[in-house]
PDB file of N, CA and C in Angstrom:
ATOM      1  N   MET A   1      57.000  -2.619  72.756  1.00  0.00           N
ATOM      2  CA  MET A   1      56.066  -3.580  72.182  1.00  0.00           C
ATOM      3  C   MET A   1      55.706  -3.119  70.782  1.00  0.00           C
ATOM      4  N   LEU A   2      55.549  -4.064  69.913  1.00  0.00           N
ATOM      5  CA  LEU A   2      55.151  -3.821  68.531  1.00  0.00           C
ATOM      6  C   LEU A   2      53.730  -4.336  68.351  1.00  0.00           C
ATOM      7  N   ALA A   3      52.876  -3.559  67.719  1.00  0.00           N
ATOM      8  CA  ALA A   3      51.514  -3.994  67.404  1.00  0.00           C
ATOM      9  C   ALA A   3      51.314  -3.883  65.899  1.00  0.00           C
ATOM     10  N   VAL A   4      50.628  -4.845  65.335  1.00  0.00           N
ATOM     11  CA  VAL A   4      50.366  -4.871  63.899  1.00  0.00           C
ATOM     12  C   VAL A   4      48.862  -4.976  63.692  1.00  0.00           C
ATOM     13  N   ILE A   5      48.335  -4.171  62.770  1.00  0.00           N
ATOM     14  CA  ILE A   5      46.909  -4.206  62.456  1.00  0.00           C
ATOM     15  C   ILE A   5      46.740  -4.768  61.050  1.00  0.00           C
ATOM     16  N   TYR A   6      45.835  -5.724  60.928  1.00  0.00           N
ATOM     17  CA  TYR A   6      45.544  -6.368  59.649  1.00  0.00           C
ATOM     18  C   TYR A   6      44.109  -6.070  59.248  1.00  0.00           C
ATOM     19  N   ARG A   7      43.863  -5.928  57.952  1.00  0.00           N
ATOM     20  CA  ARG A   7      42.508  -5.790  57.413  1.00  0.00           C
ATOM     21  C   ARG A   7      42.351  -6.818  56.307  1.00  0.00           C
ATOM     22  N   ALA A   8      41.179  -7.432  56.249  1.00  0.00           N
ATOM     23  CA  ALA A   8      40.939  -8.437  55.216  1.00  0.00           C
ATOM     24  C   ALA A   8      39.461  -8.482  54.857  1.00  0.00           C
ATOM     25  N   PHE A   9      39.196  -8.678  53.589  1.00  0.00           N
ATOM     26  CA  PHE A   9      37.840  -8.937  53.121  1.00  0.00           C
ATOM     27  C   PHE A   9      37.782 -10.404  52.725  1.00  0.00           C
ATOM     28  N   VAL A  10      36.784 -11.108  53.205  1.00  0.00           N
ATOM     29  CA  VAL A  10      36.675 -12.550  52.991  1.00  0.00           C
ATOM     30  C   VAL A  10      35.310 -12.835  52.381  1.00  0.00           C
ATOM     31  N   TYR A  11      35.277 -13.726  51.404  1.00  0.00           N
ATOM     32  CA  TYR A  11      33.987 -14.132  50.849  1.00  0.00           C
ATOM     33  C   TYR A  11      33.112 -14.680  51.973  1.00  0.00           C
ATOM     34  N   PRO A  12      31.830 -14.305  52.013  1.00  0.00           N
ATOM     35  CA  PRO A  12      30.960 -14.718  53.121  1.00  0.00           C
ATOM     36  C   PRO A  12      30.944 -16.223  53.387  1.00  0.00           C
ATOM     37  N   HIS A  13      30.985 -17.030  52.366  1.00  0.00           N
ATOM     38  CA  HIS A  13      30.942 -18.484  52.566  1.00  0.00           C
ATOM     39  C   HIS A  13      32.286 -19.056  53.033  1.00  0.00           C
ATOM     40  N   ARG A  14      33.294 -18.196  53.181  1.00  0.00           N
ATOM     41  CA  ARG A  14      34.618 -18.661  53.613  1.00  0.00           C
ATOM     42  C   ARG A  14      34.992 -18.128  54.996  1.00  0.00           C
ATOM     43  N   ASP A  15      34.035 -17.534  55.710  1.00  0.00           N
ATOM     44  CA  ASP A  15      34.313 -16.945  57.017  1.00  0.00           C
ATOM     45  C   ASP A  15      34.920 -17.943  58.000  1.00  0.00           C
ATOM     46  N   GLU A  16      34.294 -19.073  58.155  1.00  0.00           N
ATOM     47  CA  GLU A  16      34.773 -20.055  59.136  1.00  0.00           C
ATOM     48  C   GLU A  16      36.170 -20.544  58.767  1.00  0.00           C
ATOM     49  N   GLU A  17      36.409 -20.784  57.506  1.00  0.00           N
ATOM     50  CA  GLU A  17      37.730 -21.216  57.047  1.00  0.00           C
ATOM     51  C   GLU A  17      38.788 -20.149  57.371  1.00  0.00           C
ATOM     52  N   TYR A  18      38.445 -18.892  57.135  1.00  0.00           N
ATOM     53  CA  TYR A  18      39.378 -17.802  57.439  1.00  0.00           C
ATOM     54  C   TYR A  18      39.712 -17.762  58.925  1.00  0.00           C
ATOM     55  N   ARG A  19      38.705 -17.856  59.774  1.00  0.00           N
ATOM     56  CA  ARG A  19      38.943 -17.822  61.220  1.00  0.00           C
ATOM     57  C   ARG A  19      39.827 -18.984  61.668  1.00  0.00           C
ATOM     58  N   GLN A  20      39.613 -20.168  61.101  1.00  0.00           N
ATOM     59  CA  GLN A  20      40.439 -21.327  61.463  1.00  0.00           C
ATOM     60  C   GLN A  20      41.898 -21.108  61.057  1.00  0.00           C
ATOM     61  N   HIS A  21      42.102 -20.604  59.836  1.00  0.00           N
ATOM     62  CA  HIS A  21      43.472 -20.354  59.378  1.00  0.00           C
ATOM     63  C   HIS A  21      44.128 -19.234  60.175  1.00  0.00           C
ATOM     64  N   TRP A  22      43.340 -18.217  60.532  1.00  0.00           N
ATOM     65  CA  TRP A  22      43.891 -17.129  61.338  1.00  0.00           C
ATOM     66  C   TRP A  22      44.417 -17.675  62.664  1.00  0.00           C
ATOM     67  N   LYS A  23      43.649 -18.549  63.296  1.00  0.00           N
ATOM     68  CA  LYS A  23      44.076 -19.140  64.569  1.00  0.00           C
ATOM     69  C   LYS A  23      45.368 -19.930  64.392  1.00  0.00           C
ATOM     70  N   THR A  24      45.495 -20.660  63.299  1.00  0.00           N
ATOM     71  CA  THR A  24      46.720 -21.418  63.024  1.00  0.00           C
ATOM     72  C   THR A  24      47.925 -20.489  62.933  1.00  0.00           C
ATOM     73  N   VAL A  25      47.767 -19.379  62.225  1.00  0.00           N
ATOM     74  CA  VAL A  25      48.857 -18.413  62.071  1.00  0.00           C
ATOM     75  C   VAL A  25      49.220 -17.802  63.423  1.00  0.00           C
ATOM     76  N   VAL A  26      48.220 -17.401  64.185  1.00  0.00           N
ATOM     77  CA  VAL A  26      48.467 -16.798  65.500  1.00  0.00           C
ATOM     78  C   VAL A  26      49.175 -17.787  66.416  1.00  0.00           C
ATOM     79  N   ASP A  27      48.703 -19.020  66.452  1.00  0.00           N
ATOM     80  CA  ASP A  27      49.340 -20.037  67.297  1.00  0.00           C
ATOM     81  C   ASP A  27      50.809 -20.226  66.928  1.00  0.00           C
ATOM     82  N   TYR A  28      51.110 -20.206  65.636  1.00  0.00           N
ATOM     83  CA  TYR A  28      52.500 -20.346  65.195  1.00  0.00           C
ATOM     84  C   TYR A  28      53.356 -19.201  65.743  1.00  0.00           C
ATOM     85  N   PHE A  29      52.885 -17.959  65.570  1.00  0.00           N
ATOM     86  CA  PHE A  29      53.675 -16.813  66.012  1.00  0.00           C
ATOM     87  C   PHE A  29      53.810 -16.756  67.527  1.00  0.00           C
ATOM     88  N   VAL A  30      52.819 -17.205  68.254  1.00  0.00           N
ATOM     89  CA  VAL A  30      52.925 -17.250  69.715  1.00  0.00           C
ATOM     90  C   VAL A  30      53.956 -18.296  70.123  1.00  0.00           C
ATOM     91  N   THR A  31      53.899 -19.466  69.509  1.00  0.00           N
ATOM     92  CA  THR A  31      54.785 -20.573  69.864  1.00  0.00           C
ATOM     93  C   THR A  31      56.229 -20.350  69.425  1.00  0.00           C
ATOM     94  N   HIS A  32      56.430 -19.822  68.219  1.00  0.00           N
ATOM     95  CA  HIS A  32      57.775 -19.784  67.638  1.00  0.00           C
ATOM     96  C   HIS A  32      58.426 -18.404  67.565  1.00  0.00           C
ATOM     97  N   CYS A  33      57.643 -17.348  67.732  1.00  0.00           N
ATOM     98  CA  CYS A  33      58.211 -16.018  67.504  1.00  0.00           C
ATOM     99  C   CYS A  33      58.030 -15.058  68.680  1.00  0.00           C
ATOM    100  N   GLY A  34      57.460 -15.525  69.781  1.00  0.00           N
ATOM    101  CA  GLY A  34      57.330 -14.681  70.954  1.00  0.00           C
ATOM    102  C   GLY A  34      56.175 -13.700  70.922  1.00  0.00           C
ATOM    103  N   ALA A  35      55.238 -13.884  70.014  1.00  0.00           N
ATOM    104  CA  ALA A  35      54.069 -12.995  69.984  1.00  0.00           C
ATOM    105  C   ALA A  35      53.235 -13.209  71.243  1.00  0.00           C
ATOM    106  N   ILE A  36      52.525 -12.174  71.639  1.00  0.00           N
ATOM    107  CA  ILE A  36      51.672 -12.251  72.821  1.00  0.00           C
ATOM    108  C   ILE A  36      50.298 -12.809  72.463  1.00  0.00           C
ATOM    109  N   GLY A  37      49.827 -12.517  71.264  1.00  0.00           N
ATOM    110  CA  GLY A  37      48.520 -13.001  70.839  1.00  0.00           C
ATOM    111  C   GLY A  37      47.903 -12.060  69.828  1.00  0.00           C
ATOM    112  N   SER A  38      46.665 -12.322  69.466  1.00  0.00           N
ATOM    113  CA  SER A  38      45.972 -11.537  68.460  1.00  0.00           C
ATOM    114  C   SER A  38      44.481 -11.536  68.768  1.00  0.00           C
ATOM    115  N   THR A  39      43.823 -10.482  68.337  1.00  0.00           N
ATOM    116  CA  THR A  39      42.377 -10.379  68.479  1.00  0.00           C
ATOM    117  C   THR A  39      41.784 -10.125  67.103  1.00  0.00           C
ATOM    118  N   LEU A  40      40.761 -10.896  66.758  1.00  0.00           N
ATOM    119  CA  LEU A  40      40.130 -10.807  65.443  1.00  0.00           C
ATOM    120  C   LEU A  40      38.702 -10.299  65.611  1.00  0.00           C
ATOM    121  N   HIS A  41      38.356  -9.263  64.844  1.00  0.00           N
ATOM    122  CA  HIS A  41      37.018  -8.684  64.868  1.00  0.00           C
ATOM    123  C   HIS A  41      36.443  -8.707  63.457  1.00  0.00           C
ATOM    124  N   GLN A  42      35.117  -8.733  63.361  1.00  0.00           N
ATOM    125  CA  GLN A  42      34.455  -8.623  62.069  1.00  0.00           C
ATOM    126  C   GLN A  42      33.482  -7.451  62.126  1.00  0.00           C
ATOM    127  N   THR A  43      33.569  -6.555  61.143  1.00  0.00           N
ATOM    128  CA  THR A  43      32.687  -5.398  61.105  1.00  0.00           C
ATOM    129  C   THR A  43      31.320  -5.803  60.550  1.00  0.00           C
ATOM    130  N   ALA A  44      30.361  -4.919  60.685  1.00  0.00           N
ATOM    131  CA  ALA A  44      29.013  -5.164  60.159  1.00  0.00           C
ATOM    132  C   ALA A  44      29.031  -5.324  58.634  1.00  0.00           C
ATOM    133  N   GLU A  45      30.033  -4.739  57.985  1.00  0.00           N
ATOM    134  CA  GLU A  45      30.161  -4.833  56.530  1.00  0.00           C
ATOM    135  C   GLU A  45      30.881  -6.106  56.092  1.00  0.00           C
ATOM    136  N   GLY A  46      31.356  -6.905  57.041  1.00  0.00           N
ATOM    137  CA  GLY A  46      32.013  -8.161  56.715  1.00  0.00           C
ATOM    138  C   GLY A  46      33.524  -8.094  56.656  1.00  0.00           C
ATOM    139  N   GLU A  47      34.101  -6.933  56.889  1.00  0.00           N
ATOM    140  CA  GLU A  47      35.552  -6.801  56.883  1.00  0.00           C
ATOM    141  C   GLU A  47      36.115  -7.342  58.199  1.00  0.00           C
ATOM    142  N   TYR A  48      37.250  -8.026  58.109  1.00  0.00           N
ATOM    143  CA  TYR A  48      37.935  -8.508  59.308  1.00  0.00           C
ATOM    144  C   TYR A  48      39.042  -7.522  59.661  1.00  0.00           C
ATOM    145  N   ILE A  49      39.113  -7.207  60.947  1.00  0.00           N
ATOM    146  CA  ILE A  49      40.169  -6.356  61.489  1.00  0.00           C
ATOM    147  C   ILE A  49      40.816  -7.164  62.616  1.00  0.00           C
ATOM    148  N   ALA A  50      42.123  -7.229  62.594  1.00  0.00           N
ATOM    149  CA  ALA A  50      42.840  -7.962  63.646  1.00  0.00           C
ATOM    150  C   ALA A  50      44.020  -7.126  64.100  1.00  0.00           C
ATOM    151  N   TYR A  51      44.369  -7.278  65.352  1.00  0.00           N
ATOM    152  CA  TYR A  51      45.597  -6.669  65.828  1.00  0.00           C
ATOM    153  C   TYR A  51      46.377  -7.718  66.594  1.00  0.00           C
ATOM    154  N   SER A  52      47.653  -7.702  66.354  1.00  0.00           N
ATOM    155  CA  SER A  52      48.558  -8.670  66.971  1.00  0.00           C
ATOM    156  C   SER A  52      49.610  -7.934  67.780  1.00  0.00           C
ATOM    157  N   ARG A  53      50.010  -8.572  68.868  1.00  0.00           N
ATOM    158  CA  ARG A  53      51.057  -7.991  69.716  1.00  0.00           C
ATOM    159  C   ARG A  53      52.168  -9.010  69.868  1.00  0.00           C
TER     160      ARG A  53
END
């Protein structure tokens, strides 16, 4: 199994937009590339951390 970790800083007023786009990307990779899924977390400092399998 391959796991990938992503880090991103997002402008505070764009949080919801980022989460929506992240879901679109994850859905694509699950449907077309055999990915198992992804989990998205946000730190107290506002950084997004995600891991995909």
